[in-house]
């Protein structure tokens, strides 16, 4: 489990009960890649930027501004989901690179899916 500040917590059940160490390695490399690529920071920055852009619409745009904010507010979460999918793909690829750099066979990673 990944927490703010880049802390990665692993449940002892995953380590003790894990029959396939490659899955544990893959999961940890994936989460470490999220931290290294600063995905949570980028996501928070996008949310703050969206708030900074949309709030003035409410105050200065009057009823039309409120309507625009409401309409744009529907599309913003969808665009954030796209960024989230891209972040997951990037974490997968970086995780594979990290494991390869650590000396693990990429074919074994693929077979343990």
Protein backbone atom coordinates (compact mmCIF):
# COMPACT_ATOMS: atom_id res chain seq x y z
CA UNK A 1 0.00 0.00 0.00
CA UNK A 2 1.36 3.38 -0.99
CA UNK A 3 1.01 6.41 1.27
CA UNK A 4 1.78 10.11 0.82
CA UNK A 5 5.43 10.92 1.16
CA UNK A 6 6.45 7.81 -0.76
CA UNK A 7 6.02 5.32 2.06
CA UNK A 8 5.32 1.78 0.91
CA UNK A 9 3.73 -0.56 3.42
CA UNK A 10 3.56 -4.28 2.73
CA UNK A 11 1.15 -6.48 4.65
CA UNK A 12 2.95 -9.35 6.36
CA UNK A 13 0.42 -11.76 4.84
CA UNK A 14 1.70 -10.89 1.39
CA UNK A 15 5.24 -11.81 2.38
CA UNK A 16 4.55 -14.80 4.64
CA UNK A 17 1.74 -16.37 2.64
CA UNK A 18 3.04 -15.54 -0.79
CA UNK A 19 3.63 -18.66 -2.81
CA UNK A 20 4.99 -16.68 -5.72
CA UNK A 21 7.70 -14.26 -4.75
CA UNK A 22 7.71 -12.90 -8.28
CA UNK A 23 4.20 -11.46 -7.77
CA UNK A 24 5.32 -9.76 -4.57
CA UNK A 25 8.38 -8.36 -6.33
CA UNK A 26 6.26 -7.17 -9.25
CA UNK A 27 3.75 -5.44 -6.96
CA UNK A 28 6.48 -3.73 -4.96
CA UNK A 29 8.35 -2.61 -8.08
CA UNK A 30 5.09 -1.23 -9.51
CA UNK A 31 4.39 0.80 -6.36
CA UNK A 32 7.99 2.02 -6.14
CA UNK A 33 7.67 3.17 -9.75
CA UNK A 34 4.62 5.27 -8.80
CA UNK A 35 6.74 7.00 -6.16
CA UNK A 36 9.75 7.47 -8.43
CA UNK A 37 7.61 8.89 -11.25
CA UNK A 38 5.80 11.19 -8.76
CA UNK A 39 2.35 10.15 -9.98
CA UNK A 40 0.57 11.23 -6.79
CA UNK A 41 2.24 14.64 -6.92
CA UNK A 42 1.25 15.14 -10.55
CA UNK A 43 -2.33 14.14 -9.81
CA UNK A 44 -2.57 16.54 -6.86
CA UNK A 45 -1.10 19.34 -8.97
CA UNK A 46 -3.71 18.76 -11.67
CA UNK A 47 -6.52 18.86 -9.11
CA UNK A 48 -5.23 22.07 -7.54
CA UNK A 49 -4.77 23.64 -10.99
CA UNK A 50 -8.33 22.67 -11.92
CA UNK A 51 -9.64 24.26 -8.73
CA UNK A 52 -7.62 27.42 -9.36
CA UNK A 53 -9.02 27.72 -12.88
CA UNK A 54 -12.63 26.84 -12.11
CA UNK A 55 -13.22 28.94 -8.97
CA UNK A 56 -12.86 32.32 -10.72
CA UNK A 57 -15.55 31.21 -13.19
CA UNK A 58 -18.00 31.09 -10.33
CA UNK A 59 -17.17 34.51 -8.95
CA UNK A 60 -16.65 36.54 -12.10
CA UNK A 61 -18.76 34.73 -14.66
CA UNK A 62 -22.09 35.08 -12.91
CA UNK A 63 -24.75 32.51 -13.79
CA UNK A 64 -23.03 31.73 -17.11
CA UNK A 65 -19.75 31.12 -15.30
CA UNK A 66 -21.44 28.78 -12.84
CA UNK A 67 -22.97 26.88 -15.76
CA UNK A 68 -19.59 26.60 -17.51
CA UNK A 69 -17.98 25.39 -14.29
CA UNK A 70 -20.67 22.74 -13.90
CA UNK A 71 -20.28 21.54 -17.50
CA UNK A 72 -16.50 21.56 -17.36
CA UNK A 73 -16.65 19.80 -13.98
CA UNK A 74 -18.25 16.82 -15.67
CA UNK A 75 -15.41 16.40 -18.16
CA UNK A 76 -12.51 17.05 -15.79
CA UNK A 77 -12.77 13.77 -13.83
CA UNK A 78 -12.78 11.83 -17.09
CA UNK A 79 -9.55 13.46 -18.19
CA UNK A 80 -8.00 12.68 -14.79
CA UNK A 81 -8.90 9.00 -15.31
CA UNK A 82 -6.94 9.03 -18.58
CA UNK A 83 -3.92 10.37 -16.73
CA UNK A 84 -4.44 7.66 -14.13
CA UNK A 85 -4.42 4.91 -16.77
CA UNK A 86 -1.26 6.37 -18.25
CA UNK A 87 0.33 6.42 -14.79
CA UNK A 88 -0.54 2.75 -14.26
CA UNK A 89 0.98 1.80 -17.61
CA UNK A 90 4.10 3.82 -16.85
CA UNK A 91 4.41 2.18 -13.41
CA UNK A 92 4.10 -1.26 -14.99
CA UNK A 93 6.87 -0.53 -17.47
CA UNK A 94 9.13 1.12 -14.91
CA UNK A 95 8.54 -1.76 -12.51
CA UNK A 96 9.70 -4.23 -15.14
CA UNK A 97 12.78 -2.11 -15.80
CA UNK A 98 13.58 -1.94 -12.06
CA UNK A 99 13.25 -5.68 -11.67
CA UNK A 100 15.41 -6.33 -14.73
CA UNK A 101 18.04 -3.92 -13.38
CA UNK A 102 17.94 -5.87 -10.10
CA UNK A 103 18.78 -9.08 -11.99
CA UNK A 104 15.37 -10.73 -12.37
CA UNK A 105 14.39 -12.43 -15.62
CA UNK A 106 11.69 -10.46 -17.52
CA UNK A 107 10.26 -13.68 -18.96
CA UNK A 108 9.65 -15.02 -15.44
CA UNK A 109 7.77 -11.80 -14.68
CA UNK A 110 5.54 -12.31 -17.69
CA UNK A 111 4.87 -15.98 -16.87
CA UNK A 112 3.83 -15.20 -13.27
CA UNK A 113 0.98 -12.92 -14.34
